[in-house]
Amino acid sequence: MLVRDRMYKNPVTVTRQDTLAVAHEKMLSGHFRHLPVVHEGRIIGMLSDRDLRHYVGAESQTRVGVAMTENPLTVSPLSTVEEAARVLLQHQISGLPVVEDGTLIGIITTSDVLRAFLDLTGAAVEGSVRIDVRQENGGANMNSAVLLMKERAVEVLGVGVYRDPARAHSVFYLRVRGADSEPAAMALRTSGYTILGIHP
């Protein structure tokens, strides 16, 4: 999944010369926590709600240029969502301008990345359930489990594999609709799979 698929397009912006009062009003009315600062369509800074806290009581007398973070980190619309997540986490920030050919075209935030994660894993579906299964060497694997679900007419909403450090082995999961969880678990157990847990 690419940033262009999850970003907020054509974000509301401010200029260096706008007051923090103007910026604050835009944040409140749009329910934003970040505002890109632009000059002639080019990103020159980022202003966050955290930046505003340092100027409480002086918003109408203070320009955005004083409070913004200059030369912010950016991502391309063709960057992966995972890459954006790494940048957000590594630099402990919660929003990234999306820039194409030097021009601001969007913004992606931590909330956008989390929504993408839920969609990718199938967890965005209300009432879905995740079944964790031990990955056996040369035995039970995710591909055959998905085929088994298909044979049982169980809809698989998402799949994945992760390493369980506590158990020192790999685990794969299937996310299914809640109503399908019992038949799915029974079919897996009957076929010799080791179920490690069933989670909302």
C-alpha atoms as a PDB file:
ATOM      1  CA  MET A   1       0.000   0.000   0.000  1.00  0.00           C
ATOM      2  CA  LEU A   2       1.368   3.378  -1.003  1.00  0.00           C
ATOM      3  CA  VAL A   3       1.204   6.738   0.736  1.00  0.00           C
ATOM      4  CA  ARG A   4      -0.862   8.170  -2.128  1.00  0.00           C
ATOM      5  CA  ASP A   5      -3.648   5.701  -1.251  1.00  0.00           C
ATOM      6  CA  ARG A   6      -3.854   6.779   2.398  1.00  0.00           C
ATOM      7  CA  MET A   7      -2.818  10.436   2.493  1.00  0.00           C
ATOM      8  CA  TYR A   8      -5.109  13.393   3.072  1.00  0.00           C
ATOM      9  CA  LYS A   9      -5.068  15.187  -0.283  1.00  0.00           C
ATOM     10  CA  ASN A  10      -4.827  18.943  -0.799  1.00  0.00           C
ATOM     11  CA  PRO A  11      -4.372  19.713   2.905  1.00  0.00           C
ATOM     12  CA  VAL A  12      -5.274  23.025   4.481  1.00  0.00           C
ATOM     13  CA  THR A  13      -2.153  25.164   4.779  1.00  0.00           C
ATOM     14  CA  VAL A  14      -0.855  28.349   6.313  1.00  0.00           C
ATOM     15  CA  THR A  15       1.904  30.761   5.352  1.00  0.00           C
ATOM     16  CA  ARG A  16       4.862  31.952   7.379  1.00  0.00           C
ATOM     17  CA  GLN A  17       3.175  35.353   7.767  1.00  0.00           C
ATOM     18  CA  ASP A  18      -0.146  34.066   9.114  1.00  0.00           C
ATOM     19  CA  THR A  19      -0.676  34.480  12.830  1.00  0.00           C
ATOM     20  CA  LEU A  20      -0.898  31.519  15.164  1.00  0.00           C
ATOM     21  CA  ALA A  21      -4.465  32.602  15.874  1.00  0.00           C
ATOM     22  CA  VAL A  22      -5.348  32.003  12.206  1.00  0.00           C
ATOM     23  CA  ALA A  23      -3.544  28.658  12.268  1.00  0.00           C
ATOM     24  CA  HIS A  24      -5.281  27.636  15.494  1.00  0.00           C
ATOM     25  CA  GLU A  25      -8.695  28.448  14.044  1.00  0.00           C
ATOM     26  CA  LYS A  26      -7.938  26.334  10.966  1.00  0.00           C
ATOM     27  CA  MET A  27      -6.881  23.442  13.179  1.00  0.00           C
ATOM     28  CA  LEU A  28     -10.025  23.693  15.287  1.00  0.00           C
ATOM     29  CA  SER A  29     -12.456  24.031  12.387  1.00  0.00           C
ATOM     30  CA  GLY A  30     -10.864  21.203  10.406  1.00  0.00           C
ATOM     31  CA  HIS A  31     -10.055  18.964  13.385  1.00  0.00           C
ATOM     32  CA  PHE A  32      -6.387  18.960  12.350  1.00  0.00           C
ATOM     33  CA  ARG A  33      -3.323  18.552  14.546  1.00  0.00           C
ATOM     34  CA  HIS A  34      -0.850  19.607  11.838  1.00  0.00           C
ATOM     35  CA  LEU A  35      -0.699  22.331   9.228  1.00  0.00           C
ATOM     36  CA  PRO A  36       1.876  22.459   6.432  1.00  0.00           C
ATOM     37  CA  VAL A  37       3.462  25.878   5.997  1.00  0.00           C
ATOM     38  CA  VAL A  38       3.867  26.757   2.329  1.00  0.00           C
ATOM     39  CA  HIS A  39       5.360  29.410   0.113  1.00  0.00           C
ATOM     40  CA  GLU A  40       4.282  29.403  -3.536  1.00  0.00           C
ATOM     41  CA  GLY A  41       3.114  25.792  -3.229  1.00  0.00           C
ATOM     42  CA  ARG A  42       6.383  24.587  -1.717  1.00  0.00           C
ATOM     43  CA  ILE A  43       6.574  23.160   1.770  1.00  0.00           C
ATOM     44  CA  ILE A  44       8.794  25.264   4.031  1.00  0.00           C
ATOM     45  CA  GLY A  45       7.645  24.118   7.462  1.00  0.00           C
ATOM     46  CA  MET A  46       5.189  22.233   9.643  1.00  0.00           C
ATOM     47  CA  LEU A  47       3.119  23.580  12.502  1.00  0.00           C
ATOM     48  CA  SER A  48       1.607  21.233  15.064  1.00  0.00           C
ATOM     49  CA  ASP A  49      -0.813  21.740  17.924  1.00  0.00           C
ATOM     50  CA  ARG A  50       2.157  21.098  20.234  1.00  0.00           C
ATOM     51  CA  ASP A  51       3.966  24.097  18.729  1.00  0.00           C
ATOM     52  CA  LEU A  52       1.001  26.305  19.582  1.00  0.00           C
ATOM     53  CA  ARG A  53       1.164  25.422  23.278  1.00  0.00           C
ATOM     54  CA  HIS A  54       4.327  27.477  23.681  1.00  0.00           C
ATOM     55  CA  TYR A  55       2.472  30.636  22.628  1.00  0.00           C
ATOM     56  CA  VAL A  56      -0.774  30.469  24.619  1.00  0.00           C
ATOM     57  CA  GLY A  57      -2.056  33.998  25.093  1.00  0.00           C
ATOM     58  CA  ALA A  58       0.138  35.402  22.333  1.00  0.00           C
ATOM     59  CA  GLU A  59      -1.363  33.671  19.290  1.00  0.00           C
ATOM     60  CA  SER A  60      -2.699  36.829  17.665  1.00  0.00           C
ATOM     61  CA  GLN A  61       0.673  38.598  17.965  1.00  0.00           C
ATOM     62  CA  THR A  62       2.870  35.675  16.869  1.00  0.00           C
ATOM     63  CA  ARG A  63       3.582  34.655  13.274  1.00  0.00           C
ATOM     64  CA  VAL A  64       3.609  31.036  12.121  1.00  0.00           C
ATOM     65  CA  GLY A  65       7.229  31.427  11.006  1.00  0.00           C
ATOM     66  CA  VAL A  66       8.329  31.825  14.612  1.00  0.00           C
ATOM     67  CA  ALA A  67       6.715  28.592  15.854  1.00  0.00           C
ATOM     68  CA  MET A  68       6.944  26.221  12.892  1.00  0.00           C
ATOM     69  CA  THR A  69       9.488  23.457  12.345  1.00  0.00           C
ATOM     70  CA  GLU A  70      11.536  24.437   9.311  1.00  0.00           C
ATOM     71  CA  ASN A  71      12.592  22.057   6.537  1.00  0.00           C
ATOM     72  CA  PRO A  72      10.338  19.221   7.716  1.00  0.00           C
ATOM     73  CA  LEU A  73      10.829  15.604   6.767  1.00  0.00           C
ATOM     74  CA  THR A  74       8.682  14.612   3.799  1.00  0.00           C
ATOM     75  CA  VAL A  75       7.629  11.480   1.911  1.00  0.00           C
ATOM     76  CA  SER A  76       6.759  10.801  -1.691  1.00  0.00           C
ATOM     77  CA  PRO A  77       3.275   9.654  -2.737  1.00  0.00           C
ATOM     78  CA  LEU A  78       5.032   6.523  -4.057  1.00  0.00           C
ATOM     79  CA  SER A  79       6.594   5.725  -0.674  1.00  0.00           C
ATOM     80  CA  THR A  80       5.092   2.736   1.095  1.00  0.00           C
ATOM     81  CA  VAL A  81       2.938   3.243   4.162  1.00  0.00           C
ATOM     82  CA  GLU A  82       5.473   1.116   6.054  1.00  0.00           C
ATOM     83  CA  GLU A  83       8.238   3.557   5.105  1.00  0.00           C
ATOM     84  CA  ALA A  84       6.140   6.491   6.331  1.00  0.00           C
ATOM     85  CA  ALA A  85       5.477   4.608   9.585  1.00  0.00           C
ATOM     86  CA  ARG A  86       9.216   4.064  10.109  1.00  0.00           C
ATOM     87  CA  VAL A  87       9.934   7.774   9.631  1.00  0.00           C
ATOM     88  CA  LEU A  88       7.126   8.796  11.988  1.00  0.00           C
ATOM     89  CA  LEU A  89       8.324   6.365  14.650  1.00  0.00           C
ATOM     90  CA  GLN A  90      12.036   7.011  14.261  1.00  0.00           C
ATOM     91  CA  HIS A  91      11.657  10.781  14.532  1.00  0.00           C
ATOM     92  CA  GLN A  92       8.766  10.673  17.026  1.00  0.00           C
ATOM     93  CA  ILE A  93       6.532  12.877  14.915  1.00  0.00           C
ATOM     94  CA  SER A  94       2.894  12.372  14.015  1.00  0.00           C
ATOM     95  CA  GLY A  95       2.547  13.913  10.560  1.00  0.00           C
ATOM     96  CA  LEU A  96       4.486  13.979   7.285  1.00  0.00           C
ATOM     97  CA  PRO A  97       3.932  16.263   4.290  1.00  0.00           C
ATOM     98  CA  VAL A  98       3.639  14.378   0.997  1.00  0.00           C
ATOM     99  CA  VAL A  99       5.638  16.069  -1.745  1.00  0.00           C
ATOM    100  CA  GLU A 100       5.780  15.408  -5.489  1.00  0.00           C
ATOM    101  CA  ASP A 101       8.200  17.315  -7.722  1.00  0.00           C
ATOM    102  CA  GLY A 102       8.760  19.755  -4.883  1.00  0.00           C
ATOM    103  CA  THR A 103       5.059  20.565  -4.516  1.00  0.00           C
ATOM    104  CA  LEU A 104       2.923  19.726  -1.491  1.00  0.00           C
ATOM    105  CA  ILE A 105       0.099  17.367  -2.505  1.00  0.00           C
ATOM    106  CA  GLY A 106      -0.948  15.791   0.785  1.00  0.00           C
ATOM    107  CA  ILE A 107      -0.205  14.854   4.364  1.00  0.00           C
ATOM    108  CA  ILE A 108      -0.074  11.466   6.072  1.00  0.00           C
ATOM    109  CA  THR A 109      -0.421  11.131   9.839  1.00  0.00           C
ATOM    110  CA  THR A 110      -0.073   8.446  12.457  1.00  0.00           C
ATOM    111  CA  SER A 111      -3.853   8.008  12.386  1.00  0.00           C
ATOM    112  CA  ASP A 112      -3.750   7.366   8.620  1.00  0.00           C
ATOM    113  CA  VAL A 113      -1.027   4.737   9.108  1.00  0.00           C
ATOM    114  CA  LEU A 114      -2.999   3.012  11.874  1.00  0.00           C
ATOM    115  CA  ARG A 115      -6.131   2.918   9.712  1.00  0.00           C
ATOM    116  CA  ALA A 116      -4.071   1.419   6.879  1.00  0.00           C
ATOM    117  CA  PHE A 117      -2.751  -1.252   9.261  1.00  0.00           C
ATOM    118  CA  LEU A 118      -6.280  -2.153  10.341  1.00  0.00           C
ATOM    119  CA  ASP A 119      -7.426  -2.369   6.724  1.00  0.00           C
ATOM    120  CA  LEU A 120      -4.429  -4.481   5.670  1.00  0.00           C
ATOM    121  CA  THR A 121      -4.926  -6.978   8.466  1.00  0.00           C
ATOM    122  CA  GLY A 122      -8.709  -7.109   8.140  1.00  0.00           C
ATOM    123  CA  ALA A 123      -9.108  -5.794  11.689  1.00  0.00           C
ATOM    124  CA  ALA A 124     -11.153  -2.807  10.477  1.00  0.00           C
ATOM    125  CA  VAL A 125     -14.126  -5.147   9.998  1.00  0.00           C
ATOM    126  CA  GLU A 126     -16.374  -4.852  13.029  1.00  0.00           C
ATOM    127  CA  GLY A 127     -16.671  -8.069  15.012  1.00  0.00           C
ATOM    128  CA  SER A 128     -13.827  -9.834  13.224  1.00  0.00           C
ATOM    129  CA  VAL A 129     -11.623 -12.344  15.046  1.00  0.00           C
ATOM    130  CA  ARG A 130      -7.940 -13.234  14.684  1.00  0.00           C
ATOM    131  CA  ILE A 131      -6.889 -16.869  14.966  1.00  0.00           C
ATOM    132  CA  ASP A 132      -3.190 -17.366  15.746  1.00  0.00           C
ATOM    133  CA  VAL A 133      -1.705 -20.643  14.506  1.00  0.00           C
ATOM    134  CA  ARG A 134       1.753 -22.122  15.054  1.00  0.00           C
ATOM    135  CA  GLN A 135       3.820 -22.240  11.862  1.00  0.00           C
ATOM    136  CA  GLU A 136       5.237 -25.769  11.630  1.00  0.00           C
ATOM    137  CA  ASN A 137       8.455 -26.470   9.767  1.00  0.00           C
ATOM    138  CA  GLY A 138       7.506 -28.569   6.787  1.00  0.00           C
ATOM    139  CA  GLY A 139       3.996 -28.934   8.159  1.00  0.00           C
ATOM    140  CA  ALA A 140       1.053 -26.618   8.793  1.00  0.00           C
ATOM    141  CA  ASN A 141       1.391 -23.395   6.860  1.00  0.00           C
ATOM    142  CA  MET A 142      -0.666 -20.347   6.045  1.00  0.00           C
ATOM    143  CA  ASN A 143      -1.342 -21.199   2.398  1.00  0.00           C
ATOM    144  CA  SER A 144      -2.908 -24.550   3.192  1.00  0.00           C
ATOM    145  CA  ALA A 145      -4.893 -22.992   6.049  1.00  0.00           C
ATOM    146  CA  VAL A 146      -6.351 -20.375   3.704  1.00  0.00           C
ATOM    147  CA  LEU A 147      -7.329 -23.111   1.244  1.00  0.00           C
ATOM    148  CA  LEU A 148      -8.964 -25.022   4.102  1.00  0.00           C
ATOM    149  CA  MET A 149     -11.001 -21.927   4.996  1.00  0.00           C
ATOM    150  CA  LYS A 150     -12.090 -21.592   1.380  1.00  0.00           C
ATOM    151  CA  GLU A 151     -13.255 -25.220   1.351  1.00  0.00           C
ATOM    152  CA  ARG A 152     -15.301 -24.540   4.511  1.00  0.00           C
ATOM    153  CA  ALA A 153     -16.770 -21.319   3.024  1.00  0.00           C
ATOM    154  CA  VAL A 154     -15.118 -19.236   5.759  1.00  0.00           C
ATOM    155  CA  GLU A 155     -14.294 -15.722   4.576  1.00  0.00           C
ATOM    156  CA  VAL A 156     -10.681 -14.764   5.327  1.00  0.00           C
ATOM    157  CA  LEU A 157     -10.421 -10.999   5.835  1.00  0.00           C
ATOM    158  CA  GLY A 158      -6.674 -10.823   6.395  1.00  0.00           C
ATOM    159  CA  VAL A 159      -3.592 -12.981   6.849  1.00  0.00           C
ATOM    160  CA  GLY A 160      -0.075 -12.456   8.151  1.00  0.00           C
ATOM    161  CA  VAL A 161       3.005 -13.989   9.695  1.00  0.00           C
ATOM    162  CA  TYR A 162       5.013 -12.792  12.685  1.00  0.00           C
ATOM    163  CA  ARG A 163       7.811 -14.069  14.890  1.00  0.00           C
ATOM    164  CA  ASP A 164       6.837 -14.809  18.485  1.00  0.00           C
ATOM    165  CA  PRO A 165       9.964 -14.073  20.567  1.00  0.00           C
ATOM    166  CA  ALA A 166       8.479 -15.690  23.679  1.00  0.00           C
ATOM    167  CA  ARG A 167       7.974 -18.991  21.884  1.00  0.00           C
ATOM    168  CA  ALA A 168      10.911 -18.733  19.438  1.00  0.00           C
ATOM    169  CA  HIS A 169       8.853 -19.781  16.454  1.00  0.00           C
ATOM    170  CA  SER A 170       6.772 -18.208  13.724  1.00  0.00           C
ATOM    171  CA  VAL A 171       3.052 -17.672  13.993  1.00  0.00           C
ATOM    172  CA  PHE A 172       0.602 -17.053  11.194  1.00  0.00           C
ATOM    173  CA  TYR A 173      -2.826 -15.620  11.693  1.00  0.00           C
ATOM    174  CA  LEU A 174      -6.124 -15.666   9.875  1.00  0.00           C
ATOM    175  CA  ARG A 175      -8.673 -12.926  10.496  1.00  0.00           C
ATOM    176  CA  VAL A 176     -12.244 -14.076   9.943  1.00  0.00           C
ATOM    177  CA  ARG A 177     -15.703 -12.789  10.729  1.00  0.00           C
ATOM    178  CA  GLY A 178     -16.759 -13.418  14.308  1.00  0.00           C
ATOM    179  CA  ALA A 179     -19.569 -15.741  13.269  1.00  0.00           C
ATOM    180  CA  ASP A 180     -17.047 -17.890  11.386  1.00  0.00           C
ATOM    181  CA  SER A 181     -14.517 -18.164  14.203  1.00  0.00           C
ATOM    182  CA  GLU A 182     -15.792 -21.377  15.818  1.00  0.00           C
ATOM    183  CA  PRO A 183     -16.213 -23.334  12.551  1.00  0.00           C
ATOM    184  CA  ALA A 184     -12.813 -22.031  11.407  1.00  0.00           C
ATOM    185  CA  ALA A 185     -11.073 -23.036  14.633  1.00  0.00           C
ATOM    186  CA  MET A 186     -12.698 -26.454  14.586  1.00  0.00           C
ATOM    187  CA  ALA A 187     -11.661 -27.054  10.964  1.00  0.00           C
ATOM    188  CA  LEU A 188      -8.077 -26.045  11.752  1.00  0.00           C
ATOM    189  CA  ARG A 189      -7.824 -28.243  14.840  1.00  0.00           C
ATOM    190  CA  THR A 190      -9.345 -31.215  13.023  1.00  0.00           C
ATOM    191  CA  SER A 191      -6.762 -30.808  10.289  1.00  0.00           C
ATOM    192  CA  GLY A 192      -3.885 -30.871  12.787  1.00  0.00           C
ATOM    193  CA  TYR A 193      -3.138 -27.176  13.218  1.00  0.00           C
ATOM    194  CA  THR A 194      -2.015 -25.897  16.620  1.00  0.00           C
ATOM    195  CA  ILE A 195      -4.110 -22.879  17.556  1.00  0.00           C
ATOM    196  CA  LEU A 196      -2.295 -20.557  19.937  1.00  0.00           C
ATOM    197  CA  GLY A 197      -5.092 -18.118  20.536  1.00  0.00           C
ATOM    198  CA  ILE A 198      -8.279 -16.500  19.299  1.00  0.00           C
ATOM    199  CA  HIS A 199      -8.466 -12.714  19.674  1.00  0.00           C
ATOM    200  CA  PRO A 200     -10.852  -9.887  18.804  1.00  0.00           C
END
